[in-house]
C-alpha atoms as a PDB file:
ATOM      1  CA  MET A   1     -14.450  38.698  35.724  1.00  0.00           C
ATOM      2  CA  GLU A   2     -16.148  35.595  34.375  1.00  0.00           C
ATOM      3  CA  LYS A   3     -18.680  33.813  36.630  1.00  0.00           C
ATOM      4  CA  LEU A   4     -17.662  30.231  37.392  1.00  0.00           C
ATOM      5  CA  PHE A   5     -20.956  28.332  37.577  1.00  0.00           C
ATOM      6  CA  HIS A   6     -19.367  25.143  38.900  1.00  0.00           C
ATOM      7  CA  LYS A   7     -18.268  27.017  42.049  1.00  0.00           C
ATOM      8  CA  LEU A   8     -20.265  27.958  45.149  1.00  0.00           C
ATOM      9  CA  SER A   9     -20.882  31.621  45.795  1.00  0.00           C
ATOM     10  CA  GLU A  10     -21.887  33.724  48.775  1.00  0.00           C
ATOM     11  CA  LYS A  11     -24.353  35.927  46.890  1.00  0.00           C
ATOM     12  CA  HIS A  12     -26.384  35.627  43.727  1.00  0.00           C
ATOM     13  CA  GLY A  13     -29.719  36.971  42.510  1.00  0.00           C
ATOM     14  CA  GLY A  14     -30.368  38.976  45.671  1.00  0.00           C
ATOM     15  CA  MET A  15     -29.667  36.082  48.068  1.00  0.00           C
ATOM     16  CA  LYS A  16     -26.612  36.224  50.334  1.00  0.00           C
ATOM     17  CA  ALA A  17     -24.898  33.749  52.634  1.00  0.00           C
ATOM     18  CA  GLY A  18     -26.068  34.302  56.197  1.00  0.00           C
ATOM     19  CA  THR A  19     -29.686  35.020  55.206  1.00  0.00           C
ATOM     20  CA  LYS A  20     -32.313  33.317  57.373  1.00  0.00           C
ATOM     21  CA  VAL A  21     -34.949  31.360  55.415  1.00  0.00           C
ATOM     22  CA  ARG A  22     -37.947  29.140  56.191  1.00  0.00           C
ATOM     23  CA  LEU A  23     -38.730  25.964  54.249  1.00  0.00           C
ATOM     24  CA  LEU A  24     -42.071  26.060  52.439  1.00  0.00           C
ATOM     25  CA  LYS A  25     -42.285  22.289  52.034  1.00  0.00           C
ATOM     26  CA  ASP A  26     -40.689  19.149  53.421  1.00  0.00           C
ATOM     27  CA  HIS A  27     -37.294  18.268  51.992  1.00  0.00           C
ATOM     28  CA  HIS A  28     -35.845  14.748  51.928  1.00  0.00           C
ATOM     29  CA  GLU A  29     -32.243  13.692  51.387  1.00  0.00           C
ATOM     30  CA  ILE A  30     -30.390  10.415  51.881  1.00  0.00           C
ATOM     31  CA  GLY A  31     -29.121  11.607  55.282  1.00  0.00           C
ATOM     32  CA  GLY A  32     -32.536  12.624  56.622  1.00  0.00           C
ATOM     33  CA  SER A  33     -35.414  15.037  56.254  1.00  0.00           C
ATOM     34  CA  VAL A  34     -36.224  18.583  57.240  1.00  0.00           C
ATOM     35  CA  THR A  35     -39.838  19.662  57.607  1.00  0.00           C
ATOM     36  CA  ALA A  36     -41.734  22.613  56.199  1.00  0.00           C
ATOM     37  CA  GLY A  37     -41.594  25.574  58.563  1.00  0.00           C
ATOM     38  CA  SER A  38     -38.034  24.825  59.684  1.00  0.00           C
ATOM     39  CA  GLU A  39     -35.755  27.851  59.734  1.00  0.00           C
ATOM     40  CA  CYS A  40     -32.246  27.568  58.344  1.00  0.00           C
ATOM     41  CA  VAL A  41     -29.437  29.886  57.273  1.00  0.00           C
ATOM     42  CA  VAL A  42     -28.071  30.122  53.717  1.00  0.00           C
ATOM     43  CA  ASP A  43     -24.532  28.792  53.688  1.00  0.00           C
ATOM     44  CA  ALA A  44     -23.904  29.154  49.926  1.00  0.00           C
ATOM     45  CA  ILE A  45     -25.552  29.275  46.514  1.00  0.00           C
ATOM     46  CA  ILE A  46     -24.984  26.368  44.144  1.00  0.00           C
ATOM     47  CA  HIS A  47     -25.284  27.370  40.508  1.00  0.00           C
ATOM     48  CA  TYR A  48     -26.086  24.405  38.288  1.00  0.00           C
ATOM     49  CA  PRO A  49     -28.945  23.886  38.798  1.00  0.00           C
ATOM     50  CA  THR A  50     -29.454  26.777  41.191  1.00  0.00           C
ATOM     51  CA  ARG A  51     -30.043  25.584  44.744  1.00  0.00           C
ATOM     52  CA  TYR A  52     -29.300  26.883  48.211  1.00  0.00           C
ATOM     53  CA  ARG A  53     -27.006  25.090  50.605  1.00  0.00           C
ATOM     54  CA  LEU A  54     -28.518  25.673  54.044  1.00  0.00           C
ATOM     55  CA  HIS A  55     -27.505  24.764  57.572  1.00  0.00           C
ATOM     56  CA  ASP A  56     -29.905  24.257  60.452  1.00  0.00           C
ATOM     57  CA  ASP A  57     -29.437  24.926  64.186  1.00  0.00           C
ATOM     58  CA  ALA A  58     -27.814  21.503  64.620  1.00  0.00           C
ATOM     59  CA  GLY A  59     -25.275  22.306  61.884  1.00  0.00           C
ATOM     60  CA  LYS A  60     -26.734  19.797  59.399  1.00  0.00           C
ATOM     61  CA  ILE A  61     -26.324  20.835  55.761  1.00  0.00           C
ATOM     62  CA  TRP A  62     -29.305  20.703  53.383  1.00  0.00           C
ATOM     63  CA  THR A  63     -29.298  21.355  49.633  1.00  0.00           C
ATOM     64  CA  VAL A  64     -32.713  22.656  48.592  1.00  0.00           C
ATOM     65  CA  PRO A  65     -34.265  24.115  45.429  1.00  0.00           C
ATOM     66  CA  ILE A  66     -34.602  27.894  45.528  1.00  0.00           C
ATOM     67  CA  HIS A  67     -38.398  27.741  45.139  1.00  0.00           C
ATOM     68  CA  SER A  68     -38.808  25.800  48.395  1.00  0.00           C
ATOM     69  CA  VAL A  69     -37.763  28.604  50.777  1.00  0.00           C
ATOM     70  CA  GLU A  70     -38.952  32.056  51.814  1.00  0.00           C
ATOM     71  CA  LEU A  71     -37.039  34.837  53.514  1.00  0.00           C
ATOM     72  CA  VAL A  72     -37.636  35.168  57.227  1.00  0.00           C
ATOM     73  CA  THR A  73     -38.699  38.742  57.941  1.00  0.00           C
ATOM     74  CA  ALA A  74     -40.671  40.357  60.736  1.00  0.00           C
ATOM     75  CA  ASP A  75     -43.830  39.873  58.632  1.00  0.00           C
ATOM     76  CA  THR A  76     -43.242  36.157  58.009  1.00  0.00           C
ATOM     77  CA  GLU A  77     -42.391  35.587  61.680  1.00  0.00           C
ATOM     78  CA  GLU A  78     -45.697  37.224  62.728  1.00  0.00           C
ATOM     79  CA  THR A  79     -47.641  35.108  60.242  1.00  0.00           C
ATOM     80  CA  ALA A  80     -45.938  31.904  61.401  1.00  0.00           C
ATOM     81  CA  ALA A  81     -46.651  32.712  65.053  1.00  0.00           C
ATOM     82  CA  LYS A  82     -50.301  33.469  64.240  1.00  0.00           C
ATOM     83  CA  ASP A  83     -50.661  30.228  62.232  1.00  0.00           C
ATOM     84  CA  LYS A  84     -49.101  28.225  65.078  1.00  0.00           C
ATOM     85  CA  GLY A  85     -51.438  29.838  67.612  1.00  0.00           C
ATOM     86  CA  GLU A  86     -54.488  29.001  65.497  1.00  0.00           C
ATOM     87  CA  ALA A  87     -53.293  25.414  65.035  1.00  0.00           C
ATOM     88  CA  ASP A  88     -52.784  25.061  68.815  1.00  0.00           C
ATOM     89  CA  GLN A  89     -56.357  26.251  69.418  1.00  0.00           C
ATOM     90  CA  ILE A  90     -57.775  23.770  66.906  1.00  0.00           C
ATOM     91  CA  GLY A  91     -55.634  20.796  68.028  1.00  0.00           C
END
């Protein structure tokens, strides 16, 4: 079956819809902004150019480049909690 690159897909290159990710840097769109550290869920993969369509807890849709997210795993959650704790102590 031929891959239709003008269509959205639910999995591609090891990423699947439903995967929880964290933004590595701020992302700005006409409808608003989402900050680095925000956690979202992959809704779909857009193929040309490759980007992820994410939704946040409020249901807002964001279209971000693939290099601006990381997978949320137990390790990344521990690191984020540690970084937040250190920032709270400093601030």
